[in-house]
Amino acid sequence: MNAVVKLLIGLLVVIAGAAWYWYGEVFKAIVGVTSLKALLLILAGSIGFVLIIIGLFVVWVEIEEIKDAIRQKKIRKNEKNKKVKKK
């Protein structure tokens, strides 16, 4: 596909997304809430989930750092023992 066609499709999708929230009152009869309120509800509900994911990522990184520090200590200890044995 040509880059210009992809650009036009992208612009149409952006316009459709903006219209979804601009004319959100139309969907109130169907769903019961406006699309903007639904978006805000999803955003408010996802804050806890995002915090959990960030916390798990931090825990994972720190566990890997602790494992690496233990590995480095073992390597240094083995090198030190090899030097002592050579003397």
PDB file of N, CA and C in Angstrom:
ATOM      1  N   MET A   1       0.838  -1.175   0.000  1.00  0.00           N
ATOM      2  CA  MET A   1       0.000   0.000   0.000  1.00  0.00           C
ATOM      3  C   MET A   1       0.888   1.245   0.000  1.00  0.00           C
ATOM      4  N   ASN A   2       0.450   2.237  -0.650  1.00  0.00           N
ATOM      5  CA  ASN A   2       1.187   3.487  -0.739  1.00  0.00           C
ATOM      6  C   ASN A   2       1.165   4.209   0.606  1.00  0.00           C
ATOM      7  N   ALA A   3       2.223   4.928   0.921  1.00  0.00           N
ATOM      8  CA  ALA A   3       2.328   5.640   2.191  1.00  0.00           C
ATOM      9  C   ALA A   3       1.255   6.711   2.326  1.00  0.00           C
ATOM     10  N   VAL A   4       0.877   7.335   1.229  1.00  0.00           N
ATOM     11  CA  VAL A   4      -0.148   8.385   1.265  1.00  0.00           C
ATOM     12  C   VAL A   4      -1.507   7.780   1.628  1.00  0.00           C
ATOM     13  N   VAL A   5      -1.792   6.592   1.092  1.00  0.00           N
ATOM     14  CA  VAL A   5      -3.059   5.926   1.406  1.00  0.00           C
ATOM     15  C   VAL A   5      -3.098   5.558   2.889  1.00  0.00           C
ATOM     16  N   LYS A   6      -1.978   5.049   3.409  1.00  0.00           N
ATOM     17  CA  LYS A   6      -1.910   4.718   4.833  1.00  0.00           C
ATOM     18  C   LYS A   6      -2.088   5.960   5.693  1.00  0.00           C
ATOM     19  N   LEU A   7      -1.508   7.073   5.267  1.00  0.00           N
ATOM     20  CA  LEU A   7      -1.654   8.335   5.983  1.00  0.00           C
ATOM     21  C   LEU A   7      -3.115   8.772   6.026  1.00  0.00           C
ATOM     22  N   LEU A   8      -3.804   8.673   4.899  1.00  0.00           N
ATOM     23  CA  LEU A   8      -5.211   9.057   4.845  1.00  0.00           C
ATOM     24  C   LEU A   8      -6.076   8.142   5.716  1.00  0.00           C
ATOM     25  N   ILE A   9      -5.785   6.853   5.689  1.00  0.00           N
ATOM     26  CA  ILE A   9      -6.523   5.919   6.543  1.00  0.00           C
ATOM     27  C   ILE A   9      -6.295   6.262   8.012  1.00  0.00           C
ATOM     28  N   GLY A  10      -5.052   6.561   8.372  1.00  0.00           N
ATOM     29  CA  GLY A  10      -4.739   6.945   9.746  1.00  0.00           C
ATOM     30  C   GLY A  10      -5.482   8.196  10.172  1.00  0.00           C
ATOM     31  N   LEU A  11      -5.533   9.197   9.291  1.00  0.00           N
ATOM     32  CA  LEU A  11      -6.260  10.427   9.606  1.00  0.00           C
ATOM     33  C   LEU A  11      -7.753  10.161   9.775  1.00  0.00           C
ATOM     34  N   LEU A  12      -8.320   9.297   8.939  1.00  0.00           N
ATOM     35  CA  LEU A  12      -9.734   8.958   9.062  1.00  0.00           C
ATOM     36  C   LEU A  12     -10.018   8.247  10.389  1.00  0.00           C
ATOM     37  N   VAL A  13      -9.111   7.389  10.821  1.00  0.00           N
ATOM     38  CA  VAL A  13      -9.276   6.692  12.096  1.00  0.00           C
ATOM     39  C   VAL A  13      -9.206   7.692  13.248  1.00  0.00           C
ATOM     40  N   VAL A  14      -8.287   8.649  13.170  1.00  0.00           N
ATOM     41  CA  VAL A  14      -8.178   9.679  14.216  1.00  0.00           C
ATOM     42  C   VAL A  14      -9.451  10.521  14.268  1.00  0.00           C
ATOM     43  N   ILE A  15      -9.966  10.886  13.119  1.00  0.00           N
ATOM     44  CA  ILE A  15     -11.197  11.680  13.072  1.00  0.00           C
ATOM     45  C   ILE A  15     -12.369  10.878  13.625  1.00  0.00           C
ATOM     46  N   ALA A  16     -12.436   9.601  13.279  1.00  0.00           N
ATOM     47  CA  ALA A  16     -13.513   8.746  13.795  1.00  0.00           C
ATOM     48  C   ALA A  16     -13.417   8.620  15.313  1.00  0.00           C
ATOM     49  N   GLY A  17     -12.211   8.485  15.839  1.00  0.00           N
ATOM     50  CA  GLY A  17     -12.026   8.400  17.288  1.00  0.00           C
ATOM     51  C   GLY A  17     -12.434   9.683  17.989  1.00  0.00           C
ATOM     52  N   ALA A  18     -12.068  10.814  17.408  1.00  0.00           N
ATOM     53  CA  ALA A  18     -12.451  12.100  18.000  1.00  0.00           C
ATOM     54  C   ALA A  18     -13.965  12.287  17.936  1.00  0.00           C
ATOM     55  N   ALA A  19     -14.580  11.872  16.830  1.00  0.00           N
ATOM     56  CA  ALA A  19     -16.032  11.994  16.696  1.00  0.00           C
ATOM     57  C   ALA A  19     -16.736  11.093  17.706  1.00  0.00           C
ATOM     58  N   TRP A  20     -16.145   9.971  18.024  1.00  0.00           N
ATOM     59  CA  TRP A  20     -16.734   9.051  19.000  1.00  0.00           C
ATOM     60  C   TRP A  20     -16.948   9.766  20.338  1.00  0.00           C
ATOM     61  N   TYR A  21     -15.985  10.599  20.740  1.00  0.00           N
ATOM     62  CA  TYR A  21     -16.112  11.318  22.006  1.00  0.00           C
ATOM     63  C   TYR A  21     -16.852  12.646  21.833  1.00  0.00           C
ATOM     64  N   TRP A  22     -16.737  13.283  20.679  1.00  0.00           N
ATOM     65  CA  TRP A  22     -17.393  14.561  20.441  1.00  0.00           C
ATOM     66  C   TRP A  22     -18.916  14.386  20.406  1.00  0.00           C
ATOM     67  N   TYR A  23     -19.354  13.317  19.742  1.00  0.00           N
ATOM     68  CA  TYR A  23     -20.789  13.039  19.647  1.00  0.00           C
ATOM     69  C   TYR A  23     -21.177  11.891  20.578  1.00  0.00           C
ATOM     70  N   GLY A  24     -20.590  11.840  21.738  1.00  0.00           N
ATOM     71  CA  GLY A  24     -20.810  10.762  22.684  1.00  0.00           C
ATOM     72  C   GLY A  24     -22.209  10.690  23.242  1.00  0.00           C
ATOM     73  N   GLU A  25     -22.933  11.789  23.193  1.00  0.00           N
ATOM     74  CA  GLU A  25     -24.308  11.805  23.713  1.00  0.00           C
ATOM     75  C   GLU A  25     -25.216  10.887  22.900  1.00  0.00           C
ATOM     76  N   VAL A  26     -24.893  10.659  21.652  1.00  0.00           N
ATOM     77  CA  VAL A  26     -25.693   9.793  20.789  1.00  0.00           C
ATOM     78  C   VAL A  26     -25.701   8.369  21.338  1.00  0.00           C
ATOM     79  N   PHE A  27     -24.588   7.931  21.913  1.00  0.00           N
ATOM     80  CA  PHE A  27     -24.457   6.561  22.388  1.00  0.00           C
ATOM     81  C   PHE A  27     -25.086   6.359  23.771  1.00  0.00           C
ATOM     82  N   LYS A  28     -25.509   7.454  24.403  1.00  0.00           N
ATOM     83  CA  LYS A  28     -26.100   7.342  25.736  1.00  0.00           C
ATOM     84  C   LYS A  28     -27.389   6.524  25.700  1.00  0.00           C
ATOM     85  N   ALA A  29     -28.158   6.644  24.642  1.00  0.00           N
ATOM     86  CA  ALA A  29     -29.403   5.890  24.523  1.00  0.00           C
ATOM     87  C   ALA A  29     -29.129   4.401  24.362  1.00  0.00           C
ATOM     88  N   ILE A  30     -28.022   4.071  23.730  1.00  0.00           N
ATOM     89  CA  ILE A  30     -27.692   2.660  23.468  1.00  0.00           C
ATOM     90  C   ILE A  30     -27.050   2.008  24.691  1.00  0.00           C
ATOM     91  N   VAL A  31     -26.032   2.650  25.244  1.00  0.00           N
ATOM     92  CA  VAL A  31     -25.219   2.056  26.301  1.00  0.00           C
ATOM     93  C   VAL A  31     -25.668   2.497  27.692  1.00  0.00           C
ATOM     94  N   GLY A  32     -26.163   3.682  27.813  1.00  0.00           N
ATOM     95  CA  GLY A  32     -26.591   4.196  29.109  1.00  0.00           C
ATOM     96  C   GLY A  32     -25.672   5.275  29.656  1.00  0.00           C
ATOM     97  N   VAL A  33     -24.481   5.401  29.120  1.00  0.00           N
ATOM     98  CA  VAL A  33     -23.551   6.466  29.508  1.00  0.00           C
ATOM     99  C   VAL A  33     -22.940   7.046  28.245  1.00  0.00           C
ATOM    100  N   THR A  34     -22.417   8.252  28.360  1.00  0.00           N
ATOM    101  CA  THR A  34     -21.733   8.842  27.204  1.00  0.00           C
ATOM    102  C   THR A  34     -20.391   8.164  27.022  1.00  0.00           C
ATOM    103  N   SER A  35     -19.866   8.235  25.840  1.00  0.00           N
ATOM    104  CA  SER A  35     -18.577   7.589  25.565  1.00  0.00           C
ATOM    105  C   SER A  35     -17.450   8.243  26.349  1.00  0.00           C
ATOM    106  N   LEU A  36     -17.529   9.549  26.599  1.00  0.00           N
ATOM    107  CA  LEU A  36     -16.493  10.221  27.374  1.00  0.00           C
ATOM    108  C   LEU A  36     -16.516   9.749  28.826  1.00  0.00           C
ATOM    109  N   LYS A  37     -17.699   9.582  29.397  1.00  0.00           N
ATOM    110  CA  LYS A  37     -17.786   9.078  30.767  1.00  0.00           C
ATOM    111  C   LYS A  37     -17.284   7.639  30.846  1.00  0.00           C
ATOM    112  N   ALA A  38     -17.566   6.855  29.806  1.00  0.00           N
ATOM    113  CA  ALA A  38     -17.076   5.477  29.771  1.00  0.00           C
ATOM    114  C   ALA A  38     -15.551   5.456  29.721  1.00  0.00           C
ATOM    115  N   LEU A  39     -14.966   6.367  28.946  1.00  0.00           N
ATOM    116  CA  LEU A  39     -13.503   6.454  28.870  1.00  0.00           C
ATOM    117  C   LEU A  39     -12.921   6.827  30.225  1.00  0.00           C
ATOM    118  N   LEU A  40     -13.512   7.805  30.882  1.00  0.00           N
ATOM    119  CA  LEU A  40     -13.020   8.217  32.197  1.00  0.00           C
ATOM    120  C   LEU A  40     -13.164   7.096  33.219  1.00  0.00           C
ATOM    121  N   LEU A  41     -14.230   6.330  33.116  1.00  0.00           N
ATOM    122  CA  LEU A  41     -14.433   5.201  34.021  1.00  0.00           C
ATOM    123  C   LEU A  41     -13.358   4.137  33.815  1.00  0.00           C
ATOM    124  N   ILE A  42     -13.044   3.858  32.556  1.00  0.00           N
ATOM    125  CA  ILE A  42     -11.986   2.875  32.256  1.00  0.00           C
ATOM    126  C   ILE A  42     -10.643   3.379  32.761  1.00  0.00           C
ATOM    127  N   LEU A  43     -10.358   4.645  32.533  1.00  0.00           N
ATOM    128  CA  LEU A  43      -9.079   5.205  33.004  1.00  0.00           C
ATOM    129  C   LEU A  43      -8.977   5.148  34.519  1.00  0.00           C
ATOM    130  N   ALA A  44     -10.062   5.504  35.199  1.00  0.00           N
ATOM    131  CA  ALA A  44     -10.050   5.474  36.667  1.00  0.00           C
ATOM    132  C   ALA A  44      -9.900   4.045  37.173  1.00  0.00           C
ATOM    133  N   GLY A  45     -10.527   3.111  36.508  1.00  0.00           N
ATOM    134  CA  GLY A  45     -10.439   1.719  36.925  1.00  0.00           C
ATOM    135  C   GLY A  45      -9.100   1.070  36.630  1.00  0.00           C
ATOM    136  N   SER A  46      -8.373   1.599  35.684  1.00  0.00           N
ATOM    137  CA  SER A  46      -7.102   0.972  35.303  1.00  0.00           C
ATOM    138  C   SER A  46      -5.916   1.482  36.120  1.00  0.00           C
ATOM    139  N   ILE A  47      -6.093   2.500  36.927  1.00  0.00           N
ATOM    140  CA  ILE A  47      -4.979   3.047  37.711  1.00  0.00           C
ATOM    141  C   ILE A  47      -4.397   2.000  38.648  1.00  0.00           C
ATOM    142  N   GLY A  48      -5.243   1.284  39.352  1.00  0.00           N
ATOM    143  CA  GLY A  48      -4.758   0.241  40.259  1.00  0.00           C
ATOM    144  C   GLY A  48      -3.992  -0.845  39.529  1.00  0.00           C
ATOM    145  N   PHE A  49      -4.509  -1.261  38.376  1.00  0.00           N
ATOM    146  CA  PHE A  49      -3.843  -2.293  37.584  1.00  0.00           C
ATOM    147  C   PHE A  49      -2.469  -1.816  37.121  1.00  0.00           C
ATOM    148  N   VAL A  50      -2.381  -0.582  36.681  1.00  0.00           N
ATOM    149  CA  VAL A  50      -1.091  -0.032  36.239  1.00  0.00           C
ATOM    150  C   VAL A  50      -0.111   0.013  37.407  1.00  0.00           C
ATOM    151  N   LEU A  51      -0.571   0.390  38.579  1.00  0.00           N
ATOM    152  CA  LEU A  51       0.302   0.417  39.755  1.00  0.00           C
ATOM    153  C   LEU A  51       0.803  -0.986  40.099  1.00  0.00           C
ATOM    154  N   ILE A  52      -0.073  -1.985  39.982  1.00  0.00           N
ATOM    155  CA  ILE A  52       0.343  -3.362  40.249  1.00  0.00           C
ATOM    156  C   ILE A  52       1.418  -3.792  39.259  1.00  0.00           C
ATOM    157  N   ILE A  53       1.228  -3.504  37.986  1.00  0.00           N
ATOM    158  CA  ILE A  53       2.205  -3.890  36.955  1.00  0.00           C
ATOM    159  C   ILE A  53       3.537  -3.189  37.194  1.00  0.00           C
ATOM    160  N   ILE A  54       3.519  -1.908  37.501  1.00  0.00           N
ATOM    161  CA  ILE A  54       4.767  -1.177  37.764  1.00  0.00           C
ATOM    162  C   ILE A  54       5.454  -1.747  38.998  1.00  0.00           C
ATOM    163  N   GLY A  55       4.691  -2.028  40.052  1.00  0.00           N
ATOM    164  CA  GLY A  55       5.271  -2.605  41.260  1.00  0.00           C
ATOM    165  C   GLY A  55       5.902  -3.958  41.001  1.00  0.00           C
ATOM    166  N   LEU A  56       5.219  -4.812  40.231  1.00  0.00           N
ATOM    167  CA  LEU A  56       5.789  -6.124  39.903  1.00  0.00           C
ATOM    168  C   LEU A  56       7.064  -5.987  39.080  1.00  0.00           C
ATOM    169  N   PHE A  57       7.098  -5.015  38.186  1.00  0.00           N
ATOM    170  CA  PHE A  57       8.306  -4.787  37.387  1.00  0.00           C
ATOM    171  C   PHE A  57       9.471  -4.363  38.275  1.00  0.00           C
ATOM    172  N   VAL A  58       9.220  -3.474  39.223  1.00  0.00           N
ATOM    173  CA  VAL A  58      10.268  -3.021  40.141  1.00  0.00           C
ATOM    174  C   VAL A  58      10.771  -4.190  40.991  1.00  0.00           C
ATOM    175  N   VAL A  59       9.845  -5.016  41.498  1.00  0.00           N
ATOM    176  CA  VAL A  59      10.234  -6.180  42.296  1.00  0.00           C
ATOM    177  C   VAL A  59      11.084  -7.128  41.472  1.00  0.00           C
ATOM    178  N   TRP A  60      10.683  -7.377  40.232  1.00  0.00           N
ATOM    179  CA  TRP A  60      11.431  -8.267  39.346  1.00  0.00           C
ATOM    180  C   TRP A  60      12.849  -7.746  39.093  1.00  0.00           C
ATOM    181  N   VAL A  61      12.975  -6.459  38.814  1.00  0.00           N
ATOM    182  CA  VAL A  61      14.297  -5.871  38.559  1.00  0.00           C
ATOM    183  C   VAL A  61      15.175  -5.983  39.800  1.00  0.00           C
ATOM    184  N   GLU A  62      14.620  -5.705  40.975  1.00  0.00           N
ATOM    185  CA  GLU A  62      15.414  -5.768  42.206  1.00  0.00           C
ATOM    186  C   GLU A  62      15.818  -7.198  42.544  1.00  0.00           C
ATOM    187  N   ILE A  63      14.938  -8.168  42.285  1.00  0.00           N
ATOM    188  CA  ILE A  63      15.309  -9.569  42.513  1.00  0.00           C
ATOM    189  C   ILE A  63      16.468  -9.963  41.611  1.00  0.00           C
ATOM    190  N   GLU A  64      16.426  -9.521  40.365  1.00  0.00           N
ATOM    191  CA  GLU A  64      17.528  -9.816  39.440  1.00  0.00           C
ATOM    192  C   GLU A  64      18.827  -9.161  39.910  1.00  0.00           C
ATOM    193  N   GLU A  65      18.743  -7.953  40.455  1.00  0.00           N
ATOM    194  CA  GLU A  65      19.942  -7.286  40.971  1.00  0.00           C
ATOM    195  C   GLU A  65      20.516  -8.042  42.162  1.00  0.00           C
ATOM    196  N   ILE A  66      19.638  -8.519  43.045  1.00  0.00           N
ATOM    197  CA  ILE A  66      20.100  -9.282  44.210  1.00  0.00           C
ATOM    198  C   ILE A  66      20.762 -10.576  43.750  1.00  0.00           C
ATOM    199  N   LYS A  67      20.151 -11.269  42.783  1.00  0.00           N
ATOM    200  CA  LYS A  67      20.743 -12.504  42.246  1.00  0.00           C
ATOM    201  C   LYS A  67      22.112 -12.214  41.647  1.00  0.00           C
ATOM    202  N   ASP A  68      22.220 -11.113  40.912  1.00  0.00           N
ATOM    203  CA  ASP A  68      23.493 -10.752  40.293  1.00  0.00           C
ATOM    204  C   ASP A  68      24.547 -10.437  41.354  1.00  0.00           C
ATOM    205  N   ALA A  69      24.160  -9.756  42.415  1.00  0.00           N
ATOM    206  CA  ALA A  69      25.104  -9.433  43.493  1.00  0.00           C
ATOM    207  C   ALA A  69      25.591 -10.712  44.167  1.00  0.00           C
ATOM    208  N   ILE A  70      24.704 -11.671  44.379  1.00  0.00           N
ATOM    209  CA  ILE A  70      25.097 -12.942  44.996  1.00  0.00           C
ATOM    210  C   ILE A  70      26.051 -13.693  44.071  1.00  0.00           C
ATOM    211  N   ARG A  71      25.750 -13.710  42.766  1.00  0.00           N
ATOM    212  CA  ARG A  71      26.640 -14.353  41.796  1.00  0.00           C
ATOM    213  C   ARG A  71      28.030 -13.718  41.801  1.00  0.00           C
ATOM    214  N   GLN A  72      28.069 -12.390  41.852  1.00  0.00           N
ATOM    215  CA  GLN A  72      29.358 -11.692  41.851  1.00  0.00           C
ATOM    216  C   GLN A  72      30.155 -12.014  43.112  1.00  0.00           C
ATOM    217  N   LYS A  73      29.462 -12.120  44.262  1.00  0.00           N
ATOM    218  CA  LYS A  73      30.156 -12.488  45.499  1.00  0.00           C
ATOM    219  C   LYS A  73      30.760 -13.872  45.393  1.00  0.00           C
ATOM    220  N   LYS A  74      30.007 -14.821  44.815  1.00  0.00           N
ATOM    221  CA  LYS A  74      30.508 -16.179  44.657  1.00  0.00           C
ATOM    222  C   LYS A  74      31.715 -16.215  43.733  1.00  0.00           C
ATOM    223  N   ILE A  75      31.664 -15.447  42.664  1.00  0.00           N
ATOM    224  CA  ILE A  75      32.788 -15.404  41.720  1.00  0.00           C
ATOM    225  C   ILE A  75      34.018 -14.828  42.410  1.00  0.00           C
ATOM    226  N   ARG A  76      33.864 -13.744  43.149  1.00  0.00           N
ATOM    227  CA  ARG A  76      34.994 -13.141  43.856  1.00  0.00           C
ATOM    228  C   ARG A  76      35.562 -14.102  44.900  1.00  0.00           C
ATOM    229  N   LYS A  77      34.671 -14.810  45.592  1.00  0.00           N
ATOM    230  CA  LYS A  77      35.111 -15.766  46.610  1.00  0.00           C
ATOM    231  C   LYS A  77      35.896 -16.904  45.961  1.00  0.00           C
ATOM    232  N   ASN A  78      35.413 -17.408  44.813  1.00  0.00           N
ATOM    233  CA  ASN A  78      36.119 -18.471  44.097  1.00  0.00           C
ATOM    234  C   ASN A  78      37.479 -17.997  43.597  1.00  0.00           C
ATOM    235  N   GLU A  79      37.548 -16.775  43.094  1.00  0.00           N
ATOM    236  CA  GLU A  79      38.826 -16.230  42.626  1.00  0.00           C
ATOM    237  C   GLU A  79      39.801 -16.082  43.800  1.00  0.00           C
ATOM    238  N   LYS A  80      39.297 -15.637  44.926  1.00  0.00           N
ATOM    239  CA  LYS A  80      40.130 -15.462  46.107  1.00  0.00           C
ATOM    240  C   LYS A  80      40.649 -16.814  46.583  1.00  0.00           C
ATOM    241  N   ASN A  81      39.798 -17.830  46.576  1.00  0.00           N
ATOM    242  CA  ASN A  81      40.222 -19.183  46.995  1.00  0.00           C
ATOM    243  C   ASN A  81      41.254 -19.743  46.039  1.00  0.00           C
ATOM    244  N   LYS A  82      41.143 -19.480  44.757  1.00  0.00           N
ATOM    245  CA  LYS A  82      42.115 -19.975  43.780  1.00  0.00           C
ATOM    246  C   LYS A  82      43.476 -19.323  44.008  1.00  0.00           C
ATOM    247  N   LYS A  83      43.486 -18.036  44.341  1.00  0.00           N
ATOM    248  CA  LYS A  83      44.748 -17.333  44.608  1.00  0.00           C
ATOM    249  C   LYS A  83      45.414 -17.892  45.858  1.00  0.00           C
ATOM    250  N   VAL A  84      44.613 -18.188  46.873  1.00  0.00           N
ATOM    251  CA  VAL A  84      45.158 -18.715  48.136  1.00  0.00           C
ATOM    252  C   VAL A  84      45.744 -20.098  47.885  1.00  0.00           C
ATOM    253  N   LYS A  85      45.097 -20.929  47.092  1.00  0.00           N
ATOM    254  CA  LYS A  85      45.554 -22.290  46.816  1.00  0.00           C
ATOM    255  C   LYS A  85      46.845 -22.287  46.018  1.00  0.00           C
ATOM    256  N   LYS A  86      47.032 -21.301  45.140  1.00  0.00           N
ATOM    257  CA  LYS A  86      48.252 -21.226  44.334  1.00  0.00           C
ATOM    258  C   LYS A  86      49.460 -20.907  45.181  1.00  0.00           C
ATOM    259  N   LYS A  87      49.317 -20.183  46.266  1.00  0.00           N
ATOM    260  CA  LYS A  87      50.444 -19.780  47.103  1.00  0.00           C
ATOM    261  C   LYS A  87      50.889 -20.917  47.889  1.00  0.00           C
TER     262      LYS A  87
END
